[in-house]
Amino acid sequence: EDHDFDEINHIYLFNKKIEWKDKQGGATGEYNTQSILPLIDEIQSILHLDDSNVLMELLKNAYSQPTLTLATRYLVNDIFGKYGLLIVDGNDKSLKQQYADVIKDELLNQHAVKLVNEQLQLLEAKGYKQQAFPRDINLFYLTKNSRERIIKENSEFRIQNSDLKFSESEILIELENHPERFSPNVILRPLYQQKILPSLAYIGGAGELSYWLQLKPVFDFYKVNFPQLLLRNSALLVNEKTSKKINKMGFEMLDFFKDIEILKKEFIAKNTSENIDVSSHKNEIENTFNKLKDLTKNIDASLVNTVGAELQKSLQSIDGIQKRLIKSLKLKNETELNQMDKIKSQLFPFNNLQERVDNFSSYYAKYGQQFIDDLIAEFDVYNKQFLMIQD
């Protein structure tokens, strides 16, 4: 019920964006899934799969469920159920009732914004960047096709982008009768999670852990246990074919973590007999011009600036010649350099980590449940190393 549709309405397959454009409004979990089905056909076409493929069976069974909540529940249970996954509907009325005291305090007293801002000052002094931004009231109001911010104006509570208004007594009655209509934002969501399902540890990405750190005083204030924060594992998946290409070019996997242009220069330097490093020539020219500066200084000091300007022109000319040499060598090695671009794009799509772009579908279509099982076998949340896994 608390997802931003624009964050969950698309995936990438081989750098192609597949987007669900049917923004229905309200809690995304209540979205009807009928309009997702054509996107499953698009995935099938891109991956060249038949109907019997394990991915196709999974997706079609999942998204034949009437709502996104039920579809997601089916999907993740099918993949992770055997590992003891527990799925909780965060919008269940009985669970929201357990959080009603916090919601009431947020409506009436707005403690969270003050507590988080004080914590932010401490964290920023230690070099942390702000990841989540508190508001005066960190709650949304949910209706069938709407999830909008609650804003307090004078003595009234107004629902943004709607005509709905509540007095203080009215909104407290609404909370008592319909707690499921109140949705915590990013500031109060972790507290809600811990209150309804207390856990010893929270495993998340770097950005997530940073904003959890912002919330420690909120947990303390409401006397809710703050979990141990653990950074999740990260991995780079490399197929055997790509690994062989990298080795053939004389590189190692770690080399492709570098900027691609730096890598190309290294490749050209390795594969040409001529030394195109012009730094020694530039040093000789600088030494010559420095002697000219000394000469002009003694005869006509006004010429010193002219000598300096001519030096810069000469150095720029040398740089220009080097660029043209590199361009010529790039043309001679065009096939290999294009191959490097493709490898870089595969390993770091859009210059980002695979995990931030690539969807699991292509891997699951090829390996099925074994893909998930192998990752779980490799991952260890207490191992902080970045993993490189070759299939």
Protein backbone atom coordinates (compact mmCIF):
# COMPACT_ATOMS: atom_id res chain seq x y z
CA GLU A 1 0.00 0.00 0.00
CA ASP A 2 2.96 2.35 0.34
CA HIS A 3 4.80 1.92 -2.94
CA ASP A 4 5.33 4.74 -5.40
CA PHE A 5 3.91 3.51 -8.73
CA ASP A 6 6.67 5.21 -10.72
CA GLU A 7 9.26 3.12 -8.84
CA ILE A 8 7.64 -0.26 -9.54
CA ASN A 9 6.00 0.16 -12.96
CA HIS A 10 8.96 -0.86 -15.13
CA ILE A 11 11.79 -3.34 -15.59
CA TYR A 12 14.81 -3.52 -17.88
CA LEU A 13 15.70 -6.51 -20.03
CA PHE A 14 18.92 -6.22 -22.05
CA ASN A 15 18.77 -2.44 -21.47
CA LYS A 16 15.24 -2.27 -22.94
CA LYS A 17 12.64 -0.64 -20.72
CA ILE A 18 9.33 -2.48 -20.32
CA GLU A 19 6.82 -0.15 -18.69
CA TRP A 20 3.38 -0.61 -17.15
CA LYS A 21 1.60 2.68 -17.88
CA ASP A 22 -1.78 1.98 -16.30
CA LYS A 23 -1.64 4.35 -13.31
CA GLN A 24 -4.87 3.53 -11.52
CA GLY A 25 -4.34 5.61 -8.36
CA GLY A 26 -4.55 4.68 -4.70
CA ALA A 27 -2.61 1.84 -3.07
CA THR A 28 -0.60 0.07 -5.78
CA GLY A 29 -1.40 -3.27 -4.17
CA GLU A 30 -5.04 -2.79 -5.13
CA TYR A 31 -4.23 -2.22 -8.82
CA ASN A 32 -5.97 -4.57 -11.22
CA THR A 33 -3.36 -6.72 -13.01
CA GLN A 34 -5.22 -7.20 -16.32
CA SER A 35 -3.16 -4.53 -18.09
CA ILE A 36 0.13 -6.22 -17.06
CA LEU A 37 -0.55 -9.32 -19.19
CA PRO A 38 0.58 -7.72 -22.52
CA LEU A 39 3.90 -6.88 -20.85
CA ILE A 40 4.40 -10.57 -20.03
CA ASP A 41 3.93 -11.31 -23.72
CA GLU A 42 6.58 -8.65 -24.47
CA ILE A 43 9.01 -10.32 -22.03
CA GLN A 44 8.33 -13.67 -23.69
CA SER A 45 9.07 -12.19 -27.12
CA ILE A 46 12.32 -10.48 -26.02
CA LEU A 47 13.62 -13.65 -24.36
CA HIS A 48 12.36 -15.94 -27.18
CA LEU A 49 10.57 -18.28 -24.77
CA ASP A 50 7.81 -20.79 -25.31
CA ASP A 51 4.78 -21.10 -23.04
CA SER A 52 6.25 -24.03 -21.13
CA ASN A 53 9.28 -22.08 -19.91
CA VAL A 54 9.46 -21.92 -16.11
CA LEU A 55 9.47 -18.11 -16.14
CA MET A 56 6.40 -17.90 -18.34
CA GLU A 57 4.49 -20.31 -16.12
CA LEU A 58 5.47 -18.31 -13.04
CA LEU A 59 4.57 -14.89 -14.45
CA LYS A 60 1.28 -15.97 -16.04
CA ASN A 61 0.15 -17.77 -12.91
CA ALA A 62 1.13 -14.84 -10.70
CA TYR A 63 -0.43 -12.07 -12.78
CA SER A 64 -3.64 -13.96 -13.39
CA GLN A 65 -4.36 -12.98 -9.75
CA PRO A 66 -6.82 -10.05 -9.66
CA THR A 67 -4.66 -7.52 -7.76
CA LEU A 68 -0.99 -6.60 -7.62
CA THR A 69 -0.87 -7.58 -3.93
CA LEU A 70 -2.06 -11.10 -4.68
CA ALA A 71 0.17 -11.36 -7.77
CA THR A 72 3.28 -10.29 -5.85
CA ARG A 73 2.40 -12.62 -2.98
CA TYR A 74 2.10 -15.53 -5.41
CA LEU A 75 5.36 -14.61 -7.18
CA VAL A 76 7.60 -14.26 -4.13
CA ASN A 77 6.04 -17.23 -2.33
CA ASP A 78 6.65 -19.46 -5.35
CA ILE A 79 10.32 -18.41 -5.46
CA PHE A 80 11.15 -18.10 -1.76
CA GLY A 81 8.40 -20.02 0.06
CA LYS A 82 10.56 -23.05 0.74
CA TYR A 83 12.99 -20.83 2.65
CA GLY A 84 10.35 -19.97 5.25
CA LEU A 85 9.25 -16.62 3.81
CA LEU A 86 6.58 -14.84 5.85
CA ILE A 87 4.34 -12.47 3.88
CA VAL A 88 2.45 -9.79 5.78
CA ASP A 89 -0.24 -7.51 4.34
CA GLY A 90 0.76 -4.14 5.72
CA ASN A 91 -2.67 -2.71 4.97
CA ASP A 92 -4.55 -5.21 7.12
CA LYS A 93 -6.97 -3.34 9.40
CA SER A 94 -6.00 -5.30 12.51
CA LEU A 95 -2.29 -4.48 11.95
CA LYS A 96 -2.99 -0.80 11.39
CA GLN A 97 -4.96 -0.78 14.66
CA GLN A 98 -1.75 -1.79 16.47
CA TYR A 99 -0.13 1.33 15.03
CA ALA A 100 -3.04 3.68 15.69
CA ASP A 101 -1.40 5.23 18.77
CA VAL A 102 1.59 6.36 16.68
CA ILE A 103 -0.69 7.66 13.90
CA LYS A 104 -2.70 9.62 16.47
CA ASP A 105 0.42 11.16 17.99
CA GLU A 106 1.71 12.08 14.53
CA LEU A 107 -1.56 13.82 13.69
CA LEU A 108 -1.76 15.75 16.94
CA ASN A 109 1.87 16.40 17.93
CA GLN A 110 4.17 15.79 14.91
CA HIS A 111 7.11 14.52 16.95
CA ALA A 112 8.81 12.70 14.04
CA VAL A 113 9.86 15.78 12.04
CA LYS A 114 11.65 17.32 15.04
CA LEU A 115 13.34 14.06 16.08
CA VAL A 116 14.53 13.22 12.56
CA ASN A 117 15.83 16.73 11.85
CA GLU A 118 17.87 16.68 15.07
CA GLN A 119 19.33 13.30 14.11
CA LEU A 120 20.10 14.57 10.61
CA GLN A 121 22.27 17.35 11.99
CA LEU A 122 24.33 14.78 13.92
CA LEU A 123 24.65 12.46 10.90
CA GLU A 124 25.54 15.22 8.45
CA ALA A 125 28.30 16.35 10.82
CA LYS A 126 29.74 12.85 10.43
CA GLY A 127 29.53 12.97 6.62
CA TYR A 128 26.24 11.17 5.99
CA LYS A 129 23.93 12.51 3.30
CA GLN A 130 20.21 12.94 3.86
CA GLN A 131 18.29 10.06 2.30
CA ALA A 132 14.71 10.71 3.39
CA PHE A 133 12.99 14.01 4.08
CA PRO A 134 10.55 14.34 6.99
CA ARG A 135 7.35 16.33 6.66
CA ASP A 136 5.25 17.96 9.36
CA ILE A 137 2.82 15.03 9.07
CA ASN A 138 4.38 11.85 7.70
CA LEU A 139 1.13 10.15 6.72
CA PHE A 140 -0.97 9.60 3.63
CA TYR A 141 -4.72 9.10 3.44
CA LEU A 142 -5.88 6.13 1.37
CA THR A 143 -9.08 5.77 -0.64
CA LYS A 144 -9.88 3.38 -3.47
CA ASN A 145 -8.09 5.40 -6.17
CA SER A 146 -6.08 7.87 -4.16
CA ARG A 147 -3.11 8.02 -1.76
CA GLU A 148 -2.51 11.65 -0.83
CA ARG A 149 -0.64 13.52 1.88
CA ILE A 150 -2.38 14.67 5.05
CA ILE A 151 -1.71 18.36 5.66
CA LYS A 152 -2.67 20.32 8.76
CA GLU A 153 -3.85 23.87 8.14
CA ASN A 154 -4.81 25.78 11.28
CA SER A 155 -7.23 23.45 13.07
CA GLU A 156 -8.18 21.40 9.99
CA PHE A 157 -6.65 18.33 8.40
CA ARG A 158 -6.77 18.56 4.61
CA ILE A 159 -6.14 15.75 2.11
CA GLN A 160 -3.90 17.06 -0.66
CA ASN A 161 -5.32 17.12 -4.22
CA SER A 162 -8.84 16.49 -2.96
CA ASP A 163 -11.79 18.27 -1.36
CA LEU A 164 -11.61 16.12 1.78
CA LYS A 165 -11.26 17.94 5.10
CA PHE A 166 -11.45 16.79 8.72
CA SER A 167 -11.63 18.59 12.01
CA GLU A 168 -9.45 17.18 14.78
CA SER A 169 -12.29 15.20 16.30
CA GLU A 170 -13.42 13.96 12.88
CA ILE A 171 -10.02 12.66 11.87
CA LEU A 172 -9.59 10.86 15.20
CA ILE A 173 -12.98 9.17 14.70
CA GLU A 174 -11.86 8.24 11.16
CA LEU A 175 -8.68 6.75 12.58
CA GLU A 176 -10.60 4.73 15.15
CA ASN A 177 -13.06 3.36 12.58
CA HIS A 178 -10.74 3.01 9.58
CA PRO A 179 -7.06 2.79 10.58
CA GLU A 180 -6.37 1.06 7.23
CA ARG A 181 -6.99 4.40 5.50
CA PHE A 182 -3.85 5.89 7.07
CA SER A 183 -0.56 5.07 5.36
CA PRO A 184 2.88 5.90 6.84
CA ASN A 185 5.44 7.49 4.55
CA VAL A 186 9.14 6.62 4.40
CA ILE A 187 9.81 8.24 7.80
CA LEU A 188 7.20 6.24 9.74
CA ARG A 189 7.11 3.03 7.66
CA PRO A 190 10.16 1.35 9.33
CA LEU A 191 8.66 2.02 12.75
CA TYR A 192 5.40 0.42 11.57
CA GLN A 193 7.28 -2.61 10.28
CA GLN A 194 9.06 -3.13 13.57
CA LYS A 195 5.96 -2.54 15.66
CA ILE A 196 3.81 -5.16 13.89
CA LEU A 197 6.60 -7.64 13.13
CA PRO A 198 9.53 -7.15 15.52
CA SER A 199 12.80 -8.37 14.00
CA LEU A 200 16.36 -8.67 15.23
CA ALA A 201 17.94 -7.29 12.06
CA TYR A 202 17.07 -5.26 8.99
CA ILE A 203 18.96 -6.09 5.80
CA GLY A 204 18.97 -3.35 3.17
CA GLY A 205 20.94 -1.39 0.62
CA ALA A 206 23.28 1.47 1.50
CA GLY A 207 20.66 4.16 0.90
CA GLU A 208 18.05 2.30 2.95
CA LEU A 209 20.41 1.86 5.90
CA SER A 210 21.27 5.56 5.76
CA TYR A 211 17.67 6.59 6.16
CA TRP A 212 17.09 4.00 8.89
CA LEU A 213 19.93 5.67 10.80
CA GLN A 214 17.96 8.92 10.57
CA LEU A 215 15.07 7.26 12.43
CA LYS A 216 16.77 5.93 15.58
CA PRO A 217 15.37 8.72 17.85
CA VAL A 218 11.84 8.02 16.55
CA PHE A 219 12.17 4.37 17.61
CA ASP A 220 13.49 5.45 21.00
CA PHE A 221 10.66 7.94 21.49
CA TYR A 222 7.96 5.34 20.80
CA LYS A 223 9.87 2.61 22.70
CA VAL A 224 10.06 0.27 19.70
CA ASN A 225 13.14 -1.96 19.33
CA PHE A 226 15.60 -0.64 16.74
CA PRO A 227 17.03 -3.63 14.80
CA GLN A 228 20.62 -4.37 13.89
CA LEU A 229 21.26 -2.83 10.46
CA LEU A 230 23.03 -5.08 7.96
CA LEU A 231 24.17 -4.15 4.47
CA ARG A 232 22.80 -6.59 1.92
CA ASN A 233 25.06 -8.54 -0.41
CA SER A 234 25.92 -7.31 -3.88
CA ALA A 235 27.03 -9.43 -6.80
CA LEU A 236 28.07 -9.15 -10.42
CA LEU A 237 26.89 -11.99 -12.67
CA VAL A 238 29.28 -12.85 -15.51
CA ASN A 239 28.64 -15.55 -18.08
CA GLU A 240 31.46 -17.79 -19.25
CA LYS A 241 31.46 -16.34 -22.79
CA THR A 242 32.02 -12.80 -21.49
CA SER A 243 34.70 -13.98 -19.08
CA LYS A 244 36.64 -15.59 -21.96
CA LYS A 245 36.42 -12.38 -24.04
CA ILE A 246 37.81 -10.36 -21.14
CA ASN A 247 40.74 -12.73 -20.69
CA LYS A 248 41.43 -12.82 -24.43
CA MET A 249 41.82 -9.03 -24.45
CA GLY A 250 44.38 -9.29 -21.66
CA PHE A 251 42.16 -7.91 -18.91
CA GLU A 252 40.80 -9.21 -15.63
CA MET A 253 37.23 -8.82 -14.38
CA LEU A 254 38.23 -6.09 -11.93
CA ASP A 255 39.52 -3.96 -14.82
CA PHE A 256 35.94 -3.41 -16.00
CA PHE A 257 35.13 -1.55 -12.80
CA LYS A 258 37.21 1.30 -14.29
CA ASP A 259 35.86 4.04 -16.53
CA ILE A 260 35.52 2.61 -20.05
CA GLU A 261 37.61 5.37 -21.67
CA ILE A 262 40.49 4.71 -19.27
CA LEU A 263 40.20 1.01 -20.07
CA LYS A 264 40.29 1.70 -23.81
CA LYS A 265 43.45 3.77 -23.42
CA GLU A 266 45.05 0.92 -21.48
CA PHE A 267 44.07 -1.52 -24.22
CA ILE A 268 45.52 0.69 -26.95
CA ALA A 269 48.74 1.18 -24.97
CA LYS A 270 49.06 -2.59 -24.56
CA ASN A 271 48.47 -3.26 -28.22
CA THR A 272 50.68 -0.69 -29.94
CA SER A 273 54.46 -0.75 -30.22
CA GLU A 274 54.66 3.05 -30.21
CA ASN A 275 54.67 5.03 -26.97
CA ILE A 276 52.04 7.74 -27.41
CA ASP A 277 52.53 9.24 -23.96
CA VAL A 278 53.41 12.86 -24.76
CA SER A 279 54.15 14.00 -21.19
CA SER A 280 57.95 13.94 -21.74
CA HIS A 281 57.58 16.11 -24.87
CA LYS A 282 55.40 18.55 -22.94
CA ASN A 283 58.03 18.73 -20.19
CA GLU A 284 60.74 19.56 -22.75
CA ILE A 285 58.58 22.31 -24.23
CA GLU A 286 57.83 23.74 -20.79
CA ASN A 287 61.53 23.79 -19.95
CA THR A 288 62.28 25.62 -23.21
CA PHE A 289 59.56 28.23 -22.62
CA ASN A 290 60.68 28.74 -19.03
CA LYS A 291 64.13 29.65 -20.34
CA LEU A 292 62.45 32.06 -22.78
CA LYS A 293 60.57 33.60 -19.85
CA ASP A 294 63.85 34.20 -18.02
CA LEU A 295 65.31 35.76 -21.17
CA THR A 296 62.35 38.10 -21.81
CA LYS A 297 62.12 39.03 -18.12
CA ASN A 298 65.62 40.55 -18.32
CA ILE A 299 65.03 42.37 -21.61
CA ASP A 300 61.30 43.24 -21.74
CA ALA A 301 59.11 42.11 -18.78
CA SER A 302 55.95 42.91 -20.74
CA LEU A 303 56.68 39.91 -23.01
CA VAL A 304 56.53 37.37 -20.14
CA ASN A 305 52.75 37.01 -20.46
CA THR A 306 53.08 36.56 -24.20
CA VAL A 307 55.57 33.73 -23.68
CA GLY A 308 53.17 32.12 -21.17
CA ALA A 309 50.28 32.33 -23.65
CA GLU A 310 52.40 30.77 -26.40
CA LEU A 311 53.40 27.97 -23.99
CA GLN A 312 49.73 27.14 -23.37
CA LYS A 313 49.05 27.12 -27.12
CA SER A 314 51.95 24.72 -27.66
CA LEU A 315 50.83 22.39 -24.89
CA GLN A 316 47.28 22.38 -26.28
CA SER A 317 48.68 21.56 -29.73
CA ILE A 318 50.57 18.59 -28.28
CA ASP A 319 47.38 17.39 -26.54
CA GLY A 320 45.52 17.76 -29.83
CA ILE A 321 48.11 15.65 -31.65
CA GLN A 322 47.86 12.97 -28.94
CA LYS A 323 44.06 12.90 -29.29
CA ARG A 324 44.40 12.43 -33.05
CA LEU A 325 46.90 9.61 -32.51
CA ILE A 326 44.51 7.93 -30.07
CA LYS A 327 41.65 8.37 -32.54
CA SER A 328 43.69 6.70 -35.29
CA LEU A 329 44.58 3.81 -32.98
CA LYS A 330 40.93 3.48 -31.97
CA LEU A 331 39.98 3.06 -35.62
CA LYS A 332 42.61 0.34 -36.00
CA ASN A 333 41.22 -1.46 -32.93
CA GLU A 334 37.55 -0.65 -33.57
CA THR A 335 36.29 -4.24 -33.30
CA GLU A 336 37.88 -4.85 -29.91
CA LEU A 337 36.84 -1.44 -28.53
CA ASN A 338 33.22 -1.99 -29.59
CA GLN A 339 33.37 -5.36 -27.86
CA MET A 340 34.61 -3.61 -24.72
CA ASP A 341 31.63 -1.25 -24.87
CA LYS A 342 29.25 -4.21 -25.06
CA ILE A 343 30.92 -5.97 -22.13
CA LYS A 344 30.85 -2.80 -20.03
CA SER A 345 27.17 -2.30 -20.85
CA GLN A 346 26.41 -5.90 -19.92
CA LEU A 347 28.26 -5.74 -16.61
CA PHE A 348 27.30 -2.16 -15.73
CA PRO A 349 24.10 -1.24 -17.62
CA PHE A 350 23.72 2.53 -17.96
CA ASN A 351 26.98 2.80 -15.94
CA ASN A 352 25.19 1.37 -12.92
CA LEU A 353 25.39 -1.86 -10.96
CA GLN A 354 23.54 -4.80 -12.53
CA GLU A 355 21.36 -5.14 -9.44
CA ARG A 356 20.02 -1.60 -9.93
CA VAL A 357 18.97 -2.18 -13.54
CA ASP A 358 18.74 -5.81 -14.66
CA ASN A 359 15.57 -7.76 -13.96
CA PHE A 360 15.89 -11.33 -12.72
CA SER A 361 13.70 -12.66 -15.56
CA SER A 362 16.40 -13.49 -18.09
CA TYR A 363 18.38 -15.46 -15.50
CA TYR A 364 15.31 -17.24 -14.12
CA ALA A 365 14.17 -18.14 -17.64
CA LYS A 366 17.53 -19.82 -18.28
CA TYR A 367 18.22 -21.50 -14.93
CA GLY A 368 14.85 -21.61 -13.15
CA GLN A 369 14.76 -21.98 -9.36
CA GLN A 370 18.40 -23.14 -9.39
CA PHE A 371 19.41 -19.52 -10.07
CA ILE A 372 17.83 -18.39 -6.78
CA ASP A 373 19.14 -21.38 -4.86
CA ASP A 374 22.71 -20.77 -6.06
CA LEU A 375 22.59 -17.09 -5.07
CA ILE A 376 21.29 -17.91 -1.61
CA ALA A 377 24.03 -20.50 -1.23
CA GLU A 378 26.68 -17.90 -2.16
CA PHE A 379 25.34 -14.96 -0.17
CA ASP A 380 26.35 -14.36 3.43
CA VAL A 381 25.15 -11.09 4.93
CA TYR A 382 28.18 -10.99 7.24
CA ASN A 383 30.54 -11.24 4.26
CA LYS A 384 30.99 -7.62 3.16
CA GLN A 385 32.86 -8.42 -0.05
CA PHE A 386 31.36 -7.63 -3.44
CA LEU A 387 30.78 -11.00 -5.12
CA MET A 388 31.53 -11.84 -8.76
CA ILE A 389 29.69 -14.96 -9.83
CA GLN A 390 30.37 -16.72 -13.12
CA ASP A 391 27.77 -19.05 -14.59
